[in-house]
Amino acid sequence: MQITREFSRHQVVPVVFGVANLAADQADVQLKDSTGQVEGVSMPFAGVVVALSIDTTAAATAGELTVGVTKGGTEVAATTQTITTATAATPIFDRDAVPFAAGDKIGVEISTTAAWDATTADLSVTVFVALAVEGI
């Protein structure tokens, strides 16, 4: 990602989501935010999703976990990541891959296969957004 004068007016902010005891055989489950109550966080400014940090407390030996950013409750295909035996992933996205408007809800959606065996693992997903804060 190239930092330009226009991009320097953005503020990168982490938005954290998670779940304890990541169950097997789930499809399109919206994660709750760090309060454990909300399934998407309203963005106060327009911006872009720039990266994810995906961490589990234990590795699976079988099955798959997919993680993707959601905008307005719909998963953005360009952000979908597949985890098998790893305990972490840190994908970075092109600046134009996931733009959003002020007021859009940004969240995280997961799916696990029936073979997923890290069912006692906890999952934390941090979505890094660059908010366009010029003019404030």
N, C-alpha and C. Protein backbone atom coordinates (compact mmCIF):
# COMPACT_ATOMS: atom_id res chain seq x y z
N MET A 1 0.84 -1.16 0.00
CA MET A 1 0.00 0.00 0.00
C MET A 1 0.89 1.23 0.00
N GLN A 2 0.63 2.13 -0.89
CA GLN A 2 1.41 3.37 -0.96
C GLN A 2 0.71 4.44 -0.13
N ILE A 3 1.48 5.11 0.72
CA ILE A 3 0.95 6.20 1.52
C ILE A 3 1.08 7.48 0.71
N THR A 4 -0.04 8.14 0.47
CA THR A 4 -0.04 9.39 -0.28
C THR A 4 -0.56 10.50 0.62
N ARG A 5 -0.46 11.71 0.15
CA ARG A 5 -0.94 12.86 0.92
C ARG A 5 -2.43 12.70 1.26
N GLU A 6 -3.21 12.21 0.30
CA GLU A 6 -4.63 12.03 0.56
C GLU A 6 -4.87 10.97 1.63
N PHE A 7 -4.09 9.90 1.60
CA PHE A 7 -4.27 8.82 2.57
C PHE A 7 -3.78 9.23 3.95
N SER A 8 -2.85 10.16 4.03
CA SER A 8 -2.34 10.56 5.33
C SER A 8 -3.39 11.27 6.17
N ARG A 9 -4.51 11.62 5.60
CA ARG A 9 -5.61 12.25 6.34
C ARG A 9 -6.52 11.20 6.96
N HIS A 10 -6.14 9.96 6.91
CA HIS A 10 -6.92 8.87 7.50
C HIS A 10 -6.33 8.49 8.86
N GLN A 11 -7.16 7.93 9.70
CA GLN A 11 -6.72 7.41 10.99
C GLN A 11 -7.02 5.92 11.01
N VAL A 12 -5.99 5.08 11.23
CA VAL A 12 -6.21 3.64 11.28
C VAL A 12 -6.70 3.27 12.69
N VAL A 13 -7.82 2.56 12.72
CA VAL A 13 -8.49 2.22 13.97
C VAL A 13 -8.76 0.72 14.00
N PRO A 14 -8.47 0.04 15.12
CA PRO A 14 -8.83 -1.38 15.24
C PRO A 14 -10.25 -1.55 15.76
N VAL A 15 -10.98 -2.51 15.19
CA VAL A 15 -12.32 -2.87 15.66
C VAL A 15 -12.27 -4.36 15.95
N VAL A 16 -12.53 -4.75 17.21
CA VAL A 16 -12.29 -6.12 17.67
C VAL A 16 -13.58 -6.91 17.78
N PHE A 17 -13.53 -8.15 17.30
CA PHE A 17 -14.64 -9.10 17.37
C PHE A 17 -14.10 -10.42 17.90
N GLY A 18 -14.96 -11.25 18.47
CA GLY A 18 -14.46 -12.53 18.96
C GLY A 18 -15.55 -13.48 19.38
N VAL A 19 -15.10 -14.70 19.68
CA VAL A 19 -15.99 -15.74 20.17
C VAL A 19 -15.16 -16.74 20.98
N ALA A 20 -15.75 -17.25 22.04
CA ALA A 20 -15.12 -18.30 22.84
C ALA A 20 -15.60 -19.67 22.36
N ASN A 21 -14.74 -20.67 22.49
CA ASN A 21 -15.09 -22.06 22.13
C ASN A 21 -15.69 -22.15 20.73
N LEU A 22 -14.85 -21.97 19.75
CA LEU A 22 -15.25 -21.91 18.34
C LEU A 22 -15.80 -23.25 17.87
N ALA A 23 -17.10 -23.34 17.75
CA ALA A 23 -17.78 -24.59 17.42
C ALA A 23 -17.56 -25.02 15.97
N ALA A 24 -17.71 -26.31 15.74
CA ALA A 24 -17.63 -26.88 14.39
C ALA A 24 -18.98 -26.74 13.70
N ASP A 25 -18.95 -26.86 12.37
CA ASP A 25 -20.15 -26.94 11.53
C ASP A 25 -21.05 -25.70 11.68
N GLN A 26 -20.46 -24.54 11.50
CA GLN A 26 -21.20 -23.28 11.53
C GLN A 26 -21.15 -22.65 10.14
N ALA A 27 -22.20 -21.95 9.77
CA ALA A 27 -22.24 -21.30 8.47
C ALA A 27 -22.67 -19.85 8.62
N ASP A 28 -21.84 -18.95 8.14
CA ASP A 28 -22.17 -17.52 8.06
C ASP A 28 -22.63 -16.94 9.41
N VAL A 29 -21.83 -17.16 10.43
CA VAL A 29 -22.13 -16.64 11.77
C VAL A 29 -21.48 -15.29 11.96
N GLN A 30 -22.27 -14.30 12.35
CA GLN A 30 -21.75 -12.96 12.62
C GLN A 30 -21.13 -12.95 14.02
N LEU A 31 -19.87 -12.50 14.12
CA LEU A 31 -19.23 -12.40 15.43
C LEU A 31 -19.71 -11.15 16.16
N LYS A 32 -19.67 -11.22 17.47
CA LYS A 32 -19.99 -10.06 18.31
C LYS A 32 -18.73 -9.21 18.48
N ASP A 33 -18.94 -7.93 18.77
CA ASP A 33 -17.80 -7.04 19.01
C ASP A 33 -17.20 -7.33 20.38
N SER A 34 -16.23 -6.51 20.80
CA SER A 34 -15.51 -6.75 22.04
C SER A 34 -16.40 -6.67 23.28
N THR A 35 -17.60 -6.07 23.17
CA THR A 35 -18.53 -6.05 24.30
C THR A 35 -19.31 -7.35 24.41
N GLY A 36 -19.28 -8.15 23.34
CA GLY A 36 -20.04 -9.39 23.31
C GLY A 36 -21.51 -9.19 23.01
N GLN A 37 -21.89 -7.99 22.57
CA GLN A 37 -23.29 -7.68 22.39
C GLN A 37 -23.68 -7.32 20.95
N VAL A 38 -22.77 -6.73 20.20
CA VAL A 38 -23.12 -6.11 18.92
C VAL A 38 -22.48 -6.88 17.76
N GLU A 39 -23.22 -7.07 16.67
CA GLU A 39 -22.73 -7.83 15.52
C GLU A 39 -22.15 -6.98 14.41
N GLY A 40 -22.09 -5.71 14.54
CA GLY A 40 -21.48 -4.84 13.56
C GLY A 40 -21.31 -3.49 14.20
N VAL A 41 -20.24 -2.81 13.86
CA VAL A 41 -19.95 -1.52 14.45
C VAL A 41 -20.15 -0.43 13.40
N SER A 42 -20.98 0.56 13.72
CA SER A 42 -21.24 1.67 12.79
C SER A 42 -20.01 2.56 12.69
N MET A 43 -19.59 2.84 11.48
CA MET A 43 -18.42 3.67 11.25
C MET A 43 -18.82 5.15 11.26
N PRO A 44 -18.13 5.98 12.05
CA PRO A 44 -18.50 7.39 12.14
C PRO A 44 -18.07 8.22 10.95
N PHE A 45 -17.11 7.71 10.19
CA PHE A 45 -16.59 8.39 9.01
C PHE A 45 -16.52 7.39 7.86
N ALA A 46 -16.45 7.88 6.64
CA ALA A 46 -16.17 7.01 5.50
C ALA A 46 -14.75 6.48 5.63
N GLY A 47 -14.44 5.41 4.95
CA GLY A 47 -13.09 4.87 5.01
C GLY A 47 -12.93 3.60 4.22
N VAL A 48 -11.89 2.84 4.57
CA VAL A 48 -11.59 1.57 3.92
C VAL A 48 -11.08 0.57 4.95
N VAL A 49 -11.35 -0.71 4.69
CA VAL A 49 -10.76 -1.78 5.49
C VAL A 49 -9.37 -2.02 4.93
N VAL A 50 -8.35 -2.02 5.80
CA VAL A 50 -6.98 -2.16 5.31
C VAL A 50 -6.31 -3.47 5.72
N ALA A 51 -6.78 -4.12 6.80
CA ALA A 51 -6.11 -5.34 7.24
C ALA A 51 -6.98 -6.08 8.25
N LEU A 52 -6.60 -7.33 8.50
CA LEU A 52 -7.20 -8.15 9.55
C LEU A 52 -6.09 -8.74 10.40
N SER A 53 -6.40 -9.01 11.64
CA SER A 53 -5.55 -9.82 12.50
C SER A 53 -6.44 -10.91 13.06
N ILE A 54 -6.15 -12.16 12.69
CA ILE A 54 -6.97 -13.30 13.09
C ILE A 54 -6.13 -14.16 14.01
N ASP A 55 -6.62 -14.41 15.23
CA ASP A 55 -5.85 -15.20 16.20
C ASP A 55 -6.76 -16.19 16.91
N THR A 56 -6.27 -17.43 17.04
CA THR A 56 -6.96 -18.45 17.82
C THR A 56 -6.04 -18.88 18.96
N THR A 57 -6.64 -19.37 20.03
CA THR A 57 -5.85 -19.80 21.18
C THR A 57 -5.31 -21.21 21.03
N ALA A 58 -5.78 -21.95 20.03
CA ALA A 58 -5.29 -23.30 19.77
C ALA A 58 -5.46 -23.61 18.29
N ALA A 59 -4.58 -24.45 17.81
CA ALA A 59 -4.63 -24.83 16.40
C ALA A 59 -5.54 -26.04 16.20
N ALA A 60 -6.20 -26.06 15.06
CA ALA A 60 -6.97 -27.24 14.68
C ALA A 60 -6.03 -28.24 14.01
N THR A 61 -6.40 -29.50 14.05
CA THR A 61 -5.64 -30.51 13.31
C THR A 61 -6.45 -31.01 12.12
N ALA A 62 -7.74 -30.63 12.09
CA ALA A 62 -8.61 -30.99 10.97
C ALA A 62 -9.68 -29.92 10.81
N GLY A 63 -10.18 -29.82 9.60
CA GLY A 63 -11.25 -28.88 9.31
C GLY A 63 -10.73 -27.52 8.90
N GLU A 64 -11.68 -26.63 8.61
CA GLU A 64 -11.35 -25.28 8.16
C GLU A 64 -12.23 -24.25 8.85
N LEU A 65 -11.63 -23.08 9.04
CA LEU A 65 -12.31 -21.90 9.53
C LEU A 65 -12.18 -20.84 8.45
N THR A 66 -13.27 -20.22 8.06
CA THR A 66 -13.18 -19.08 7.15
C THR A 66 -13.65 -17.83 7.90
N VAL A 67 -12.95 -16.74 7.63
CA VAL A 67 -13.21 -15.45 8.28
C VAL A 67 -13.29 -14.40 7.19
N GLY A 68 -14.29 -13.54 7.26
CA GLY A 68 -14.41 -12.46 6.29
C GLY A 68 -15.04 -11.23 6.91
N VAL A 69 -14.66 -10.08 6.41
CA VAL A 69 -15.24 -8.81 6.85
C VAL A 69 -16.63 -8.67 6.24
N THR A 70 -17.56 -8.12 7.02
CA THR A 70 -18.88 -7.83 6.49
C THR A 70 -19.12 -6.33 6.45
N LYS A 71 -19.86 -5.92 5.47
CA LYS A 71 -20.31 -4.53 5.35
C LYS A 71 -21.82 -4.59 5.27
N GLY A 72 -22.49 -4.02 6.27
CA GLY A 72 -23.94 -4.08 6.31
C GLY A 72 -24.46 -5.50 6.46
N GLY A 73 -23.68 -6.37 7.10
CA GLY A 73 -24.09 -7.75 7.32
C GLY A 73 -23.79 -8.71 6.19
N THR A 74 -23.23 -8.22 5.08
CA THR A 74 -22.90 -9.07 3.93
C THR A 74 -21.39 -9.21 3.82
N GLU A 75 -20.94 -10.46 3.74
CA GLU A 75 -19.50 -10.72 3.67
C GLU A 75 -18.91 -10.18 2.36
N VAL A 76 -17.77 -9.54 2.47
CA VAL A 76 -17.04 -9.01 1.32
C VAL A 76 -16.06 -10.09 0.87
N ALA A 77 -16.32 -10.70 -0.28
CA ALA A 77 -15.54 -11.86 -0.75
C ALA A 77 -14.04 -11.59 -0.81
N ALA A 78 -13.65 -10.37 -1.13
CA ALA A 78 -12.22 -10.05 -1.25
C ALA A 78 -11.47 -10.16 0.07
N THR A 79 -12.19 -10.26 1.19
CA THR A 79 -11.53 -10.33 2.50
C THR A 79 -11.51 -11.72 3.10
N THR A 80 -12.17 -12.69 2.47
CA THR A 80 -12.31 -14.02 3.06
C THR A 80 -10.96 -14.73 3.17
N GLN A 81 -10.69 -15.21 4.38
CA GLN A 81 -9.45 -15.93 4.68
C GLN A 81 -9.80 -17.32 5.20
N THR A 82 -8.99 -18.33 4.83
CA THR A 82 -9.21 -19.69 5.30
C THR A 82 -8.07 -20.09 6.22
N ILE A 83 -8.43 -20.59 7.40
CA ILE A 83 -7.47 -21.04 8.41
C ILE A 83 -7.65 -22.54 8.57
N THR A 84 -6.55 -23.28 8.56
CA THR A 84 -6.63 -24.72 8.81
C THR A 84 -5.88 -25.03 10.12
N THR A 85 -4.58 -25.21 10.05
CA THR A 85 -3.82 -25.57 11.26
C THR A 85 -3.05 -24.38 11.85
N ALA A 86 -3.18 -23.22 11.27
CA ALA A 86 -2.49 -22.04 11.79
C ALA A 86 -3.27 -21.46 12.98
N THR A 87 -2.59 -20.69 13.79
CA THR A 87 -3.26 -20.00 14.89
C THR A 87 -3.33 -18.50 14.66
N ALA A 88 -2.81 -18.04 13.52
CA ALA A 88 -2.84 -16.60 13.24
C ALA A 88 -2.75 -16.35 11.74
N ALA A 89 -3.34 -15.22 11.33
CA ALA A 89 -3.22 -14.74 9.96
C ALA A 89 -3.34 -13.22 10.01
N THR A 90 -2.61 -12.55 9.11
CA THR A 90 -2.62 -11.08 9.09
C THR A 90 -2.68 -10.55 7.66
N PRO A 91 -3.80 -10.78 6.97
CA PRO A 91 -3.90 -10.29 5.59
C PRO A 91 -4.03 -8.77 5.53
N ILE A 92 -3.45 -8.20 4.48
CA ILE A 92 -3.54 -6.77 4.19
C ILE A 92 -4.28 -6.64 2.87
N PHE A 93 -5.16 -5.64 2.77
CA PHE A 93 -5.99 -5.47 1.58
C PHE A 93 -5.63 -4.20 0.83
N ASP A 94 -5.81 -4.24 -0.49
CA ASP A 94 -5.64 -3.03 -1.30
C ASP A 94 -6.60 -1.96 -0.80
N ARG A 95 -6.18 -0.73 -0.92
CA ARG A 95 -6.97 0.38 -0.40
C ARG A 95 -8.37 0.48 -0.99
N ASP A 96 -8.54 0.05 -2.20
CA ASP A 96 -9.85 0.16 -2.84
C ASP A 96 -10.69 -1.10 -2.71
N ALA A 97 -10.20 -2.12 -2.03
CA ALA A 97 -10.91 -3.40 -1.97
C ALA A 97 -12.20 -3.34 -1.15
N VAL A 98 -12.19 -2.62 -0.03
CA VAL A 98 -13.36 -2.60 0.85
C VAL A 98 -13.64 -1.18 1.34
N PRO A 99 -14.14 -0.32 0.46
CA PRO A 99 -14.51 1.03 0.91
C PRO A 99 -15.85 0.98 1.64
N PHE A 100 -16.08 1.93 2.52
CA PHE A 100 -17.38 2.03 3.18
C PHE A 100 -17.72 3.50 3.41
N ALA A 101 -19.00 3.77 3.60
CA ALA A 101 -19.49 5.12 3.84
C ALA A 101 -19.70 5.33 5.34
N ALA A 102 -19.74 6.58 5.74
CA ALA A 102 -20.08 6.89 7.13
C ALA A 102 -21.44 6.28 7.43
N GLY A 103 -21.55 5.62 8.57
CA GLY A 103 -22.80 4.97 8.95
C GLY A 103 -22.87 3.50 8.60
N ASP A 104 -22.02 3.02 7.68
CA ASP A 104 -22.01 1.59 7.36
C ASP A 104 -21.56 0.79 8.59
N LYS A 105 -22.14 -0.39 8.74
CA LYS A 105 -21.74 -1.29 9.82
C LYS A 105 -20.69 -2.26 9.30
N ILE A 106 -19.55 -2.28 9.98
CA ILE A 106 -18.46 -3.20 9.65
C ILE A 106 -18.46 -4.31 10.69
N GLY A 107 -18.37 -5.54 10.23
CA GLY A 107 -18.39 -6.69 11.14
C GLY A 107 -17.53 -7.81 10.61
N VAL A 108 -17.71 -8.99 11.21
CA VAL A 108 -16.95 -10.18 10.82
C VAL A 108 -17.91 -11.37 10.78
N GLU A 109 -17.75 -12.20 9.75
CA GLU A 109 -18.54 -13.41 9.59
C GLU A 109 -17.60 -14.61 9.53
N ILE A 110 -17.99 -15.69 10.18
CA ILE A 110 -17.16 -16.90 10.17
C ILE A 110 -18.00 -18.11 9.75
N SER A 111 -17.29 -19.12 9.28
CA SER A 111 -17.87 -20.43 9.03
C SER A 111 -16.82 -21.46 9.42
N THR A 112 -17.28 -22.61 9.92
CA THR A 112 -16.38 -23.73 10.20
C THR A 112 -16.96 -24.98 9.56
N THR A 113 -16.08 -25.89 9.15
CA THR A 113 -16.54 -27.15 8.59
C THR A 113 -16.89 -28.11 9.72
N ALA A 114 -17.59 -29.17 9.37
CA ALA A 114 -17.97 -30.19 10.36
C ALA A 114 -16.73 -30.85 10.96
N ALA A 115 -15.63 -30.89 10.21
CA ALA A 115 -14.40 -31.53 10.69
C ALA A 115 -13.56 -30.63 11.60
N TRP A 116 -13.94 -29.36 11.76
CA TRP A 116 -13.17 -28.42 12.61
C TRP A 116 -13.07 -29.01 14.02
N ASP A 117 -11.82 -29.22 14.49
CA ASP A 117 -11.66 -29.87 15.78
C ASP A 117 -11.02 -28.99 16.86
N ALA A 118 -10.88 -27.70 16.61
CA ALA A 118 -10.37 -26.79 17.64
C ALA A 118 -11.54 -26.14 18.36
N THR A 119 -12.46 -26.99 18.84
CA THR A 119 -13.72 -26.49 19.40
C THR A 119 -13.57 -25.86 20.78
N THR A 120 -12.41 -25.98 21.41
CA THR A 120 -12.19 -25.28 22.68
C THR A 120 -11.35 -24.02 22.46
N ALA A 121 -11.01 -23.74 21.22
CA ALA A 121 -10.22 -22.55 20.90
C ALA A 121 -11.09 -21.30 20.92
N ASP A 122 -10.51 -20.21 21.39
CA ASP A 122 -11.17 -18.91 21.32
C ASP A 122 -10.64 -18.18 20.09
N LEU A 123 -11.46 -17.33 19.51
CA LEU A 123 -11.09 -16.61 18.29
C LEU A 123 -11.22 -15.11 18.52
N SER A 124 -10.20 -14.38 18.10
CA SER A 124 -10.24 -12.92 18.10
C SER A 124 -9.91 -12.44 16.69
N VAL A 125 -10.75 -11.54 16.17
CA VAL A 125 -10.51 -10.96 14.86
C VAL A 125 -10.53 -9.45 15.01
N THR A 126 -9.42 -8.82 14.64
CA THR A 126 -9.34 -7.37 14.65
C THR A 126 -9.39 -6.87 13.22
N VAL A 127 -10.35 -6.00 12.94
CA VAL A 127 -10.49 -5.39 11.62
C VAL A 127 -9.86 -4.00 11.72
N PHE A 128 -8.85 -3.74 10.91
CA PHE A 128 -8.22 -2.43 10.89
C PHE A 128 -8.86 -1.61 9.78
N VAL A 129 -9.46 -0.49 10.17
CA VAL A 129 -10.09 0.41 9.21
C VAL A 129 -9.35 1.74 9.19
N ALA A 130 -9.24 2.33 8.01
CA ALA A 130 -8.66 3.66 7.87
C ALA A 130 -9.82 4.63 7.68
N LEU A 131 -10.06 5.44 8.69
CA LEU A 131 -11.17 6.39 8.66
C LEU A 131 -10.70 7.71 8.08
N ALA A 132 -11.49 8.27 7.16
CA ALA A 132 -11.18 9.55 6.52
C ALA A 132 -11.62 10.67 7.46
N VAL A 133 -10.69 11.14 8.27
CA VAL A 133 -11.03 12.11 9.32
C VAL A 133 -10.69 13.55 8.98
N GLU A 134 -10.28 13.80 7.72
CA GLU A 134 -9.98 15.20 7.37
C GLU A 134 -11.25 16.04 7.52
N GLY A 135 -11.08 17.26 7.90
CA GLY A 135 -12.21 18.16 8.03
C GLY A 135 -12.80 18.21 9.43
N ILE A 136 -12.21 17.48 10.38
CA ILE A 136 -12.74 17.58 11.75
C ILE A 136 -11.77 18.37 12.61
